[in-house]
């Protein structure tokens, strides 16, 4: 992503625009991604002082929101991590604060969907669908690596698609070898468990 302009930095993590969804004089609502493909929604909560709510999200939730299967308010509230950002004169001067509770005035109104059936949004929806569809390829790869679970300890239940997203992230982070994975993780897809030594 060296050729893409950085929008924000959160604890050293750079965010780049993936797609603008709503814009007037400035972008109001859009999706960003980081260097390993994780997605973040961005809502401009004050266009005069350039204040933003940035929330970690997933392709599944983005797709539901784009298809009007999820209310905008629910889309924002579902995020497990949120940050308040006030823009400075440069990215380095931005005020960044992780918040545990989203102020009511930052949230979309109840009952609102994103209803923008234009060509750009439709193309972005197709892109997200393709990204989601590509994930099972990794499960086939990992099924061939992780079959012996007799010496493994159960850690936690975790959504199957999230496991696959974590696999994608692991590959993008370091191009680790098959040997590393075969000794470090076990994936038992039938019980949606991730197992590790």
N, C-alpha and C. Protein backbone atom coordinates (compact mmCIF):
# COMPACT_ATOMS: atom_id res chain seq x y z
N UNK A 1 0.82 -1.21 0.00
CA UNK A 1 0.00 0.00 0.00
C UNK A 1 0.85 1.26 0.00
N UNK A 2 2.06 1.14 -0.50
CA UNK A 2 2.99 2.26 -0.47
C UNK A 2 2.49 3.44 -1.28
N UNK A 3 1.67 3.20 -2.33
CA UNK A 3 1.21 4.28 -3.19
C UNK A 3 -0.09 4.91 -2.69
N UNK A 4 -0.66 4.39 -1.61
CA UNK A 4 -1.92 4.91 -1.10
C UNK A 4 -1.66 5.93 0.01
N UNK A 5 -2.52 6.94 0.03
CA UNK A 5 -2.35 8.01 1.01
C UNK A 5 -2.89 7.57 2.36
N UNK A 6 -2.14 7.83 3.40
CA UNK A 6 -2.56 7.49 4.76
C UNK A 6 -3.61 8.50 5.23
N UNK A 7 -4.71 7.96 5.76
CA UNK A 7 -5.77 8.82 6.31
C UNK A 7 -5.56 9.09 7.79
N UNK A 8 -5.27 8.01 8.53
CA UNK A 8 -5.09 8.11 9.97
C UNK A 8 -3.98 7.17 10.40
N UNK A 9 -3.47 7.43 11.58
CA UNK A 9 -2.57 6.48 12.24
C UNK A 9 -3.09 6.25 13.65
N UNK A 10 -3.25 4.97 13.99
CA UNK A 10 -3.72 4.59 15.32
C UNK A 10 -2.68 3.69 15.95
N UNK A 11 -2.00 4.18 16.96
CA UNK A 11 -0.95 3.41 17.63
C UNK A 11 0.06 2.85 16.64
N UNK A 12 0.45 3.66 15.69
CA UNK A 12 1.43 3.25 14.69
C UNK A 12 0.85 2.50 13.50
N UNK A 13 -0.43 2.16 13.55
CA UNK A 13 -1.11 1.45 12.46
C UNK A 13 -1.67 2.46 11.45
N UNK A 14 -1.25 2.33 10.20
CA UNK A 14 -1.71 3.24 9.16
C UNK A 14 -3.03 2.76 8.57
N UNK A 15 -3.95 3.70 8.33
CA UNK A 15 -5.22 3.39 7.69
C UNK A 15 -5.30 4.12 6.36
N UNK A 16 -5.78 3.39 5.34
CA UNK A 16 -5.90 3.92 3.99
C UNK A 16 -7.36 3.79 3.54
N UNK A 17 -7.80 4.69 2.67
CA UNK A 17 -9.17 4.62 2.17
C UNK A 17 -9.36 3.38 1.31
N UNK A 18 -10.39 2.60 1.63
CA UNK A 18 -10.79 1.47 0.79
C UNK A 18 -11.91 1.90 -0.14
N UNK A 19 -12.90 2.64 0.39
CA UNK A 19 -13.96 3.18 -0.46
C UNK A 19 -14.71 4.28 0.28
N UNK A 20 -15.00 5.37 -0.44
CA UNK A 20 -15.88 6.42 0.09
C UNK A 20 -17.32 6.00 -0.17
N UNK A 21 -18.15 6.05 0.87
CA UNK A 21 -19.55 5.66 0.73
C UNK A 21 -20.47 6.88 0.66
N UNK A 22 -20.23 7.86 1.51
CA UNK A 22 -21.04 9.08 1.51
C UNK A 22 -20.10 10.27 1.60
N UNK A 23 -20.24 11.20 0.67
CA UNK A 23 -19.45 12.42 0.75
C UNK A 23 -20.26 13.60 0.23
N UNK A 24 -20.00 14.74 0.82
CA UNK A 24 -20.61 15.99 0.39
C UNK A 24 -19.45 16.91 0.00
N UNK A 25 -19.16 17.93 0.78
CA UNK A 25 -17.96 18.71 0.52
C UNK A 25 -16.71 17.93 0.92
N UNK A 26 -16.87 17.09 1.94
CA UNK A 26 -15.79 16.21 2.40
C UNK A 26 -16.39 14.82 2.60
N UNK A 27 -15.55 13.78 2.65
CA UNK A 27 -16.08 12.44 2.94
C UNK A 27 -16.73 12.40 4.33
N UNK A 28 -17.92 11.83 4.40
CA UNK A 28 -18.68 11.76 5.65
C UNK A 28 -18.67 10.35 6.23
N UNK A 29 -18.73 9.37 5.35
CA UNK A 29 -18.78 7.97 5.79
C UNK A 29 -18.01 7.13 4.79
N UNK A 30 -16.99 6.40 5.28
CA UNK A 30 -16.20 5.60 4.36
C UNK A 30 -15.55 4.44 5.09
N UNK A 31 -14.93 3.57 4.30
CA UNK A 31 -14.27 2.39 4.83
C UNK A 31 -12.78 2.51 4.59
N UNK A 32 -12.00 2.23 5.62
CA UNK A 32 -10.55 2.20 5.51
C UNK A 32 -10.04 0.78 5.73
N UNK A 33 -8.79 0.56 5.40
CA UNK A 33 -8.13 -0.72 5.66
C UNK A 33 -6.72 -0.44 6.13
N UNK A 34 -6.14 -1.41 6.85
CA UNK A 34 -4.76 -1.25 7.27
C UNK A 34 -3.84 -2.09 6.37
N UNK A 35 -2.59 -2.21 6.73
CA UNK A 35 -1.62 -2.88 5.87
C UNK A 35 -1.87 -4.38 5.74
N UNK A 36 -2.65 -4.96 6.65
CA UNK A 36 -2.91 -6.40 6.58
C UNK A 36 -4.36 -6.68 6.21
N UNK A 37 -5.06 -5.66 5.71
CA UNK A 37 -6.39 -5.88 5.15
C UNK A 37 -7.55 -5.80 6.13
N UNK A 38 -7.29 -5.51 7.40
CA UNK A 38 -8.39 -5.34 8.35
C UNK A 38 -9.15 -4.06 7.99
N UNK A 39 -10.47 -4.10 8.20
CA UNK A 39 -11.32 -2.99 7.77
C UNK A 39 -11.79 -2.15 8.96
N UNK A 40 -12.01 -0.85 8.67
CA UNK A 40 -12.45 0.11 9.68
C UNK A 40 -13.46 1.05 9.03
N UNK A 41 -14.55 1.29 9.72
CA UNK A 41 -15.49 2.29 9.24
C UNK A 41 -15.11 3.64 9.82
N UNK A 42 -15.36 4.69 9.06
CA UNK A 42 -15.03 6.05 9.48
C UNK A 42 -16.26 6.92 9.29
N UNK A 43 -16.68 7.57 10.38
CA UNK A 43 -17.80 8.50 10.33
C UNK A 43 -17.29 9.88 10.75
N UNK A 44 -17.49 10.86 9.90
CA UNK A 44 -17.14 12.23 10.27
C UNK A 44 -18.25 12.76 11.17
N UNK A 45 -17.94 12.96 12.44
CA UNK A 45 -18.97 13.37 13.40
C UNK A 45 -19.04 14.88 13.57
N UNK A 46 -18.04 15.60 13.06
CA UNK A 46 -18.06 17.06 13.07
C UNK A 46 -17.22 17.55 11.91
N UNK A 47 -17.88 18.03 10.88
CA UNK A 47 -17.17 18.42 9.65
C UNK A 47 -16.46 19.77 9.79
N UNK A 48 -16.82 20.56 10.80
CA UNK A 48 -16.17 21.86 11.00
C UNK A 48 -14.83 21.70 11.71
N UNK A 49 -14.83 20.90 12.77
CA UNK A 49 -13.59 20.69 13.52
C UNK A 49 -12.88 19.40 13.11
N UNK A 50 -13.41 18.72 12.09
CA UNK A 50 -12.80 17.52 11.53
C UNK A 50 -12.58 16.45 12.61
N UNK A 51 -13.69 16.01 13.18
CA UNK A 51 -13.66 14.95 14.20
C UNK A 51 -14.27 13.68 13.62
N UNK A 52 -13.70 12.54 13.99
CA UNK A 52 -14.10 11.28 13.38
C UNK A 52 -14.29 10.19 14.42
N UNK A 53 -15.21 9.28 14.11
CA UNK A 53 -15.36 8.03 14.85
C UNK A 53 -14.84 6.93 13.93
N UNK A 54 -13.81 6.22 14.37
CA UNK A 54 -13.23 5.12 13.60
C UNK A 54 -13.51 3.83 14.36
N UNK A 55 -14.06 2.84 13.65
CA UNK A 55 -14.48 1.60 14.30
C UNK A 55 -13.99 0.39 13.53
N UNK A 56 -13.45 -0.60 14.25
CA UNK A 56 -13.04 -1.85 13.61
C UNK A 56 -14.27 -2.60 13.13
N UNK A 57 -14.23 -3.13 11.91
CA UNK A 57 -15.37 -3.84 11.37
C UNK A 57 -14.89 -5.05 10.56
N UNK A 58 -15.81 -5.74 9.91
CA UNK A 58 -15.48 -6.93 9.13
C UNK A 58 -16.14 -6.85 7.76
N UNK A 59 -15.65 -7.65 6.83
CA UNK A 59 -16.26 -7.71 5.51
C UNK A 59 -17.70 -8.18 5.58
N UNK A 60 -17.99 -9.14 6.47
CA UNK A 60 -19.36 -9.64 6.59
C UNK A 60 -20.31 -8.52 6.98
N UNK A 61 -19.92 -7.71 7.95
CA UNK A 61 -20.80 -6.63 8.39
C UNK A 61 -20.87 -5.51 7.35
N UNK A 62 -19.76 -5.25 6.68
CA UNK A 62 -19.78 -4.24 5.60
C UNK A 62 -20.78 -4.67 4.52
N UNK A 63 -20.74 -5.94 4.15
CA UNK A 63 -21.64 -6.44 3.10
C UNK A 63 -23.10 -6.33 3.54
N UNK A 64 -23.39 -6.71 4.77
CA UNK A 64 -24.77 -6.59 5.27
C UNK A 64 -25.23 -5.14 5.25
N UNK A 65 -24.35 -4.24 5.63
CA UNK A 65 -24.69 -2.83 5.64
C UNK A 65 -24.93 -2.32 4.22
N UNK A 66 -24.08 -2.72 3.28
CA UNK A 66 -24.22 -2.27 1.89
C UNK A 66 -25.50 -2.80 1.25
N UNK A 67 -25.91 -3.99 1.66
CA UNK A 67 -27.12 -4.61 1.11
C UNK A 67 -28.37 -4.23 1.89
N UNK A 68 -28.24 -3.27 2.80
CA UNK A 68 -29.35 -2.81 3.65
C UNK A 68 -29.95 -3.94 4.47
N UNK A 69 -29.10 -4.88 4.87
CA UNK A 69 -29.53 -5.96 5.75
C UNK A 69 -29.16 -5.65 7.20
N UNK A 70 -28.47 -4.54 7.41
CA UNK A 70 -28.08 -4.11 8.75
C UNK A 70 -28.23 -2.59 8.84
N UNK A 71 -28.88 -2.15 9.90
CA UNK A 71 -29.03 -0.71 10.12
C UNK A 71 -27.67 -0.06 10.32
N UNK A 72 -27.54 1.19 9.89
CA UNK A 72 -26.28 1.90 10.06
C UNK A 72 -25.90 2.01 11.54
N UNK A 73 -26.88 2.24 12.38
CA UNK A 73 -26.61 2.34 13.81
C UNK A 73 -26.07 1.02 14.35
N UNK A 74 -26.68 -0.09 13.95
CA UNK A 74 -26.22 -1.41 14.40
C UNK A 74 -24.83 -1.72 13.86
N UNK A 75 -24.56 -1.29 12.64
CA UNK A 75 -23.24 -1.48 12.03
C UNK A 75 -22.16 -0.82 12.87
N UNK A 76 -22.41 0.39 13.32
CA UNK A 76 -21.42 1.12 14.12
C UNK A 76 -21.32 0.51 15.52
N UNK A 77 -22.46 0.19 16.12
CA UNK A 77 -22.47 -0.32 17.49
C UNK A 77 -21.85 -1.71 17.61
N UNK A 78 -21.83 -2.47 16.53
CA UNK A 78 -21.31 -3.83 16.59
C UNK A 78 -19.80 -3.86 16.73
N UNK A 79 -19.13 -2.77 16.44
CA UNK A 79 -17.67 -2.74 16.50
C UNK A 79 -17.17 -3.02 17.91
N UNK A 80 -16.11 -3.81 18.00
CA UNK A 80 -15.52 -4.13 19.30
C UNK A 80 -14.47 -3.10 19.73
N UNK A 81 -13.95 -2.33 18.77
CA UNK A 81 -12.96 -1.30 19.09
C UNK A 81 -13.35 -0.02 18.36
N UNK A 82 -13.29 1.09 19.09
CA UNK A 82 -13.64 2.39 18.52
C UNK A 82 -12.63 3.43 18.96
N UNK A 83 -12.39 4.39 18.07
CA UNK A 83 -11.47 5.49 18.38
C UNK A 83 -12.12 6.82 17.99
N UNK A 84 -11.87 7.81 18.80
CA UNK A 84 -12.24 9.19 18.48
C UNK A 84 -10.97 9.87 17.98
N UNK A 85 -11.08 10.50 16.81
CA UNK A 85 -9.91 11.18 16.23
C UNK A 85 -10.29 12.61 15.87
N UNK A 86 -9.50 13.55 16.35
CA UNK A 86 -9.65 14.95 15.94
C UNK A 86 -8.44 15.32 15.11
N UNK A 87 -8.69 15.72 13.87
CA UNK A 87 -7.60 15.99 12.95
C UNK A 87 -6.78 17.20 13.38
N UNK A 88 -5.46 17.04 13.27
CA UNK A 88 -4.55 18.15 13.50
C UNK A 88 -4.07 18.70 12.16
N UNK A 89 -3.03 19.51 12.20
CA UNK A 89 -2.49 20.07 10.97
C UNK A 89 -1.79 19.01 10.12
N UNK A 90 -1.42 17.91 10.76
CA UNK A 90 -0.83 16.78 10.06
C UNK A 90 -1.29 15.51 10.76
N UNK A 91 -1.07 14.36 10.11
CA UNK A 91 -1.48 13.09 10.71
C UNK A 91 -0.80 12.89 12.05
N UNK A 92 0.46 13.29 12.14
CA UNK A 92 1.21 13.13 13.38
C UNK A 92 0.62 13.97 14.51
N UNK A 93 -0.12 15.02 14.17
CA UNK A 93 -0.70 15.90 15.19
C UNK A 93 -2.16 15.56 15.49
N UNK A 94 -2.70 14.52 14.87
CA UNK A 94 -4.07 14.10 15.18
C UNK A 94 -4.18 13.69 16.65
N UNK A 95 -5.31 14.01 17.25
CA UNK A 95 -5.60 13.53 18.60
C UNK A 95 -6.37 12.21 18.47
N UNK A 96 -5.80 11.14 18.98
CA UNK A 96 -6.39 9.81 18.84
C UNK A 96 -6.67 9.25 20.22
N UNK A 97 -7.91 8.84 20.45
CA UNK A 97 -8.30 8.29 21.75
C UNK A 97 -9.20 7.08 21.55
N UNK A 98 -8.81 5.94 22.11
CA UNK A 98 -9.69 4.78 22.06
C UNK A 98 -10.81 5.00 23.07
N UNK A 99 -12.04 4.70 22.65
CA UNK A 99 -13.20 4.92 23.52
C UNK A 99 -13.95 3.61 23.70
N UNK A 100 -14.46 3.41 24.90
CA UNK A 100 -15.20 2.18 25.20
C UNK A 100 -16.69 2.34 24.94
N UNK A 101 -17.18 3.59 25.00
CA UNK A 101 -18.59 3.88 24.76
C UNK A 101 -18.71 4.97 23.71
N UNK A 102 -19.55 4.72 22.72
CA UNK A 102 -19.74 5.71 21.65
C UNK A 102 -20.79 6.72 22.10
N UNK A 103 -20.46 8.01 22.10
CA UNK A 103 -21.45 9.03 22.47
C UNK A 103 -22.67 8.97 21.54
N UNK A 104 -23.83 9.19 22.10
CA UNK A 104 -25.08 9.10 21.34
C UNK A 104 -25.05 10.01 20.11
N UNK A 105 -24.46 11.19 20.27
CA UNK A 105 -24.46 12.15 19.15
C UNK A 105 -23.57 11.70 17.99
N UNK A 106 -22.73 10.70 18.20
CA UNK A 106 -21.89 10.17 17.13
C UNK A 106 -22.62 9.11 16.29
N UNK A 107 -23.70 8.59 16.81
CA UNK A 107 -24.36 7.45 16.17
C UNK A 107 -25.37 7.88 15.12
N UNK A 108 -25.53 7.07 14.07
CA UNK A 108 -26.61 7.33 13.10
C UNK A 108 -27.96 7.24 13.79
N UNK A 109 -28.95 7.86 13.21
CA UNK A 109 -30.30 7.81 13.78
C UNK A 109 -30.86 6.39 13.69
N UNK A 110 -31.74 6.05 14.60
CA UNK A 110 -32.36 4.73 14.60
C UNK A 110 -33.19 4.54 13.32
N UNK A 111 -33.14 3.34 12.80
CA UNK A 111 -33.97 2.99 11.64
C UNK A 111 -33.40 3.36 10.29
N UNK A 112 -32.18 3.90 10.25
CA UNK A 112 -31.60 4.33 8.97
C UNK A 112 -30.75 3.23 8.35
N UNK A 113 -30.93 3.03 7.05
CA UNK A 113 -30.10 2.12 6.26
C UNK A 113 -29.26 2.96 5.30
N UNK A 114 -28.18 2.35 4.79
CA UNK A 114 -27.44 2.98 3.70
C UNK A 114 -28.12 2.56 2.40
N UNK A 115 -28.78 3.49 1.74
CA UNK A 115 -29.54 3.17 0.53
C UNK A 115 -28.97 3.99 -0.62
N UNK A 116 -27.85 3.53 -1.17
CA UNK A 116 -27.18 4.24 -2.25
C UNK A 116 -26.87 3.27 -3.39
N UNK A 117 -27.87 2.94 -4.20
CA UNK A 117 -27.67 1.95 -5.27
C UNK A 117 -26.99 2.52 -6.52
N UNK A 118 -25.83 3.18 -6.32
CA UNK A 118 -25.11 3.72 -7.48
C UNK A 118 -24.02 2.74 -7.91
N UNK A 119 -23.42 3.01 -9.05
CA UNK A 119 -22.46 2.07 -9.64
C UNK A 119 -21.23 1.89 -8.76
N UNK A 120 -20.77 2.95 -8.11
CA UNK A 120 -19.59 2.85 -7.26
C UNK A 120 -19.84 1.93 -6.07
N UNK A 121 -21.00 2.11 -5.42
CA UNK A 121 -21.33 1.28 -4.26
C UNK A 121 -21.53 -0.17 -4.69
N UNK A 122 -22.17 -0.37 -5.83
CA UNK A 122 -22.39 -1.74 -6.33
C UNK A 122 -21.07 -2.42 -6.65
N UNK A 123 -20.12 -1.66 -7.20
CA UNK A 123 -18.80 -2.23 -7.49
C UNK A 123 -18.07 -2.58 -6.21
N UNK A 124 -18.21 -1.74 -5.19
CA UNK A 124 -17.56 -2.02 -3.91
C UNK A 124 -18.20 -3.25 -3.24
N UNK A 125 -19.50 -3.35 -3.35
CA UNK A 125 -20.19 -4.53 -2.80
C UNK A 125 -19.67 -5.80 -3.45
N UNK A 126 -19.49 -5.76 -4.76
CA UNK A 126 -18.96 -6.92 -5.47
C UNK A 126 -17.54 -7.25 -5.01
N UNK A 127 -16.74 -6.23 -4.78
CA UNK A 127 -15.37 -6.43 -4.30
C UNK A 127 -15.37 -7.12 -2.94
N UNK A 128 -16.24 -6.66 -2.03
CA UNK A 128 -16.32 -7.27 -0.70
C UNK A 128 -16.79 -8.71 -0.81
N UNK A 129 -17.76 -8.97 -1.67
CA UNK A 129 -18.24 -10.34 -1.87
C UNK A 129 -17.12 -11.25 -2.36
N UNK A 130 -16.29 -10.73 -3.24
CA UNK A 130 -15.16 -11.52 -3.75
C UNK A 130 -14.14 -11.78 -2.66
N UNK A 131 -13.89 -10.81 -1.80
CA UNK A 131 -12.96 -11.01 -0.69
C UNK A 131 -13.47 -12.08 0.27
N UNK A 132 -14.77 -12.04 0.56
CA UNK A 132 -15.36 -13.05 1.43
C UNK A 132 -15.29 -14.42 0.80
N UNK A 133 -15.60 -14.49 -0.50
CA UNK A 133 -15.60 -15.77 -1.20
C UNK A 133 -14.22 -16.40 -1.27
N UNK A 134 -13.18 -15.59 -1.19
CA UNK A 134 -11.83 -16.12 -1.30
C UNK A 134 -11.35 -16.79 -0.02
N UNK A 135 -12.01 -16.52 1.11
CA UNK A 135 -11.55 -17.03 2.40
C UNK A 135 -11.55 -18.56 2.51
N UNK A 136 -12.55 -19.30 2.02
CA UNK A 136 -12.52 -20.76 2.20
C UNK A 136 -11.30 -21.45 1.60
N UNK A 137 -10.64 -20.81 0.65
CA UNK A 137 -9.43 -21.40 0.07
C UNK A 137 -8.39 -21.65 1.16
N UNK A 138 -8.37 -20.79 2.17
CA UNK A 138 -7.41 -20.95 3.24
C UNK A 138 -7.79 -22.11 4.16
N UNK A 139 -9.08 -22.38 4.30
CA UNK A 139 -9.49 -23.50 5.14
C UNK A 139 -9.04 -24.81 4.53
N UNK A 140 -9.08 -24.90 3.20
CA UNK A 140 -8.61 -26.11 2.54
C UNK A 140 -7.12 -26.29 2.78
N UNK A 141 -6.39 -25.19 2.72
CA UNK A 141 -4.95 -25.25 2.95
C UNK A 141 -4.65 -25.70 4.38
N UNK A 142 -5.36 -25.14 5.34
CA UNK A 142 -5.07 -25.45 6.73
C UNK A 142 -5.58 -26.83 7.13
N UNK A 143 -6.64 -27.32 6.49
CA UNK A 143 -7.11 -28.67 6.78
C UNK A 143 -6.02 -29.69 6.51
N UNK A 144 -5.18 -29.42 5.52
CA UNK A 144 -4.12 -30.35 5.17
C UNK A 144 -2.96 -30.30 6.16
N UNK A 145 -2.88 -29.19 6.92
CA UNK A 145 -1.79 -29.04 7.88
C UNK A 145 -2.14 -29.53 9.28
N UNK A 146 -3.42 -29.35 9.64
CA UNK A 146 -3.77 -29.53 11.05
C UNK A 146 -4.73 -30.69 11.24
N UNK A 147 -4.22 -31.86 11.41
CA UNK A 147 -5.06 -33.02 11.59
C UNK A 147 -4.85 -33.71 12.93
N UNK A 148 -3.66 -33.58 13.50
CA UNK A 148 -3.36 -34.23 14.76
C UNK A 148 -3.62 -33.27 15.91
N UNK A 149 -4.70 -33.49 16.65
CA UNK A 149 -5.03 -32.59 17.75
C UNK A 149 -4.91 -33.30 19.10
N UNK A 150 -4.31 -34.49 19.13
CA UNK A 150 -4.27 -35.28 20.36
C UNK A 150 -3.48 -34.61 21.47
N UNK A 151 -2.52 -33.76 21.13
CA UNK A 151 -1.69 -33.12 22.17
C UNK A 151 -2.02 -31.65 22.33
N UNK A 152 -3.16 -31.23 21.75
CA UNK A 152 -3.49 -29.81 21.77
C UNK A 152 -4.41 -29.47 22.94
N UNK A 153 -4.37 -28.20 23.33
CA UNK A 153 -5.21 -27.70 24.40
C UNK A 153 -6.22 -26.71 23.84
N UNK A 154 -7.49 -26.89 24.17
CA UNK A 154 -8.54 -26.01 23.67
C UNK A 154 -8.39 -24.62 24.29
N UNK A 155 -8.45 -23.60 23.42
CA UNK A 155 -8.29 -22.24 23.91
C UNK A 155 -9.64 -21.52 23.95
N UNK A 156 -10.32 -21.43 22.83
CA UNK A 156 -11.58 -20.69 22.83
C UNK A 156 -12.39 -21.02 21.60
N UNK A 157 -13.72 -20.85 21.71
CA UNK A 157 -14.58 -20.92 20.54
C UNK A 157 -14.49 -19.60 19.81
N UNK A 158 -14.46 -19.67 18.50
CA UNK A 158 -14.29 -18.46 17.71
C UNK A 158 -14.99 -18.67 16.38
N UNK A 159 -15.62 -17.66 15.87
CA UNK A 159 -16.36 -17.77 14.63
C UNK A 159 -15.46 -18.26 13.50
N UNK A 160 -15.97 -19.21 12.73
CA UNK A 160 -15.17 -19.84 11.68
C UNK A 160 -14.62 -18.83 10.69
N UNK A 161 -15.43 -17.89 10.25
CA UNK A 161 -14.94 -16.91 9.29
C UNK A 161 -13.87 -16.02 9.90
N UNK A 162 -14.00 -15.75 11.20
CA UNK A 162 -12.98 -14.95 11.85
C UNK A 162 -11.65 -15.70 11.90
N UNK A 163 -11.73 -17.03 12.11
CA UNK A 163 -10.51 -17.84 12.06
C UNK A 163 -9.85 -17.68 10.71
N UNK A 164 -10.63 -17.76 9.65
CA UNK A 164 -10.07 -17.64 8.30
C UNK A 164 -9.48 -16.26 8.08
N UNK A 165 -10.14 -15.23 8.60
CA UNK A 165 -9.59 -13.89 8.47
C UNK A 165 -8.26 -13.78 9.20
N UNK A 166 -8.17 -14.42 10.36
CA UNK A 166 -6.91 -14.41 11.09
C UNK A 166 -5.81 -15.13 10.31
N UNK A 167 -6.20 -16.18 9.59
CA UNK A 167 -5.25 -16.90 8.75
C UNK A 167 -4.72 -15.98 7.66
N UNK A 168 -5.63 -15.25 7.03
CA UNK A 168 -5.22 -14.29 5.99
C UNK A 168 -4.25 -13.28 6.57
N UNK A 169 -4.58 -12.77 7.76
CA UNK A 169 -3.72 -11.78 8.41
C UNK A 169 -2.34 -12.36 8.69
N UNK A 170 -2.29 -13.60 9.17
CA UNK A 170 -1.01 -14.23 9.48
C UNK A 170 -0.14 -14.34 8.24
N UNK A 171 -0.75 -14.75 7.12
CA UNK A 171 0.02 -14.87 5.89
C UNK A 171 0.53 -13.51 5.44
N UNK A 172 -0.30 -12.49 5.52
CA UNK A 172 0.10 -11.18 5.04
C UNK A 172 1.18 -10.58 5.93
N UNK A 173 1.16 -10.92 7.22
CA UNK A 173 2.13 -10.33 8.13
C UNK A 173 3.54 -10.82 7.86
N UNK A 174 3.71 -12.09 7.62
CA UNK A 174 5.09 -12.55 7.62
C UNK A 174 5.43 -13.67 6.65
N UNK A 175 4.50 -14.11 5.81
CA UNK A 175 4.78 -15.19 4.87
C UNK A 175 5.45 -16.36 5.57
N UNK A 176 4.85 -16.80 6.67
CA UNK A 176 5.44 -17.85 7.48
C UNK A 176 5.44 -19.19 6.75
N UNK A 177 6.36 -20.04 7.15
CA UNK A 177 6.52 -21.32 6.47
C UNK A 177 5.49 -22.33 6.93
N UNK A 178 5.31 -23.37 6.13
CA UNK A 178 4.41 -24.46 6.49
C UNK A 178 4.87 -25.11 7.79
N UNK A 179 6.17 -25.20 7.99
CA UNK A 179 6.70 -25.82 9.21
C UNK A 179 6.25 -25.06 10.44
N UNK A 180 6.30 -23.72 10.37
CA UNK A 180 5.89 -22.91 11.51
C UNK A 180 4.43 -23.17 11.85
N UNK A 181 3.56 -23.12 10.83
CA UNK A 181 2.15 -23.29 11.08
C UNK A 181 1.85 -24.68 11.61
N UNK A 182 2.49 -25.71 11.06
CA UNK A 182 2.16 -27.07 11.46
C UNK A 182 2.57 -27.36 12.89
N UNK A 183 3.49 -26.57 13.44
CA UNK A 183 3.91 -26.77 14.82
C UNK A 183 3.27 -25.77 15.79
N UNK A 184 2.59 -24.75 15.24
CA UNK A 184 2.08 -23.71 16.11
C UNK A 184 0.57 -23.73 16.29
N UNK A 185 -0.17 -24.13 15.26
CA UNK A 185 -1.62 -24.07 15.34
C UNK A 185 -2.26 -25.35 14.84
N UNK A 186 -3.49 -25.59 15.29
CA UNK A 186 -4.33 -26.63 14.74
C UNK A 186 -5.72 -26.06 14.56
N UNK A 187 -6.31 -26.29 13.41
CA UNK A 187 -7.65 -25.81 13.14
C UNK A 187 -8.56 -27.00 12.94
N UNK A 188 -9.56 -27.15 13.79
CA UNK A 188 -10.51 -28.25 13.65
C UNK A 188 -11.83 -27.62 13.22
N UNK A 189 -12.08 -27.62 11.92
CA UNK A 189 -13.20 -26.87 11.39
C UNK A 189 -14.54 -27.45 11.80
N UNK A 190 -14.63 -28.74 12.08
CA UNK A 190 -15.91 -29.35 12.37
C UNK A 190 -16.52 -28.82 13.67
N UNK A 191 -15.67 -28.37 14.62
CA UNK A 191 -16.17 -27.86 15.90
C UNK A 191 -15.95 -26.36 16.05
N UNK A 192 -15.49 -25.71 14.98
CA UNK A 192 -15.23 -24.28 15.03
C UNK A 192 -14.33 -23.91 16.20
N UNK A 193 -13.29 -24.66 16.36
CA UNK A 193 -12.36 -24.39 17.45
C UNK A 193 -11.00 -24.03 16.87
N UNK A 194 -10.31 -23.16 17.55
CA UNK A 194 -8.92 -22.94 17.21
C UNK A 194 -8.10 -23.50 18.37
N UNK A 195 -7.13 -24.30 18.03
CA UNK A 195 -6.35 -25.01 19.04
C UNK A 195 -4.89 -24.65 18.91
N UNK A 196 -4.24 -24.54 20.03
CA UNK A 196 -2.80 -24.27 19.97
C UNK A 196 -2.11 -24.93 21.15
N UNK A 197 -0.83 -25.12 21.02
CA UNK A 197 -0.07 -25.76 22.07
C UNK A 197 -0.03 -24.87 23.31
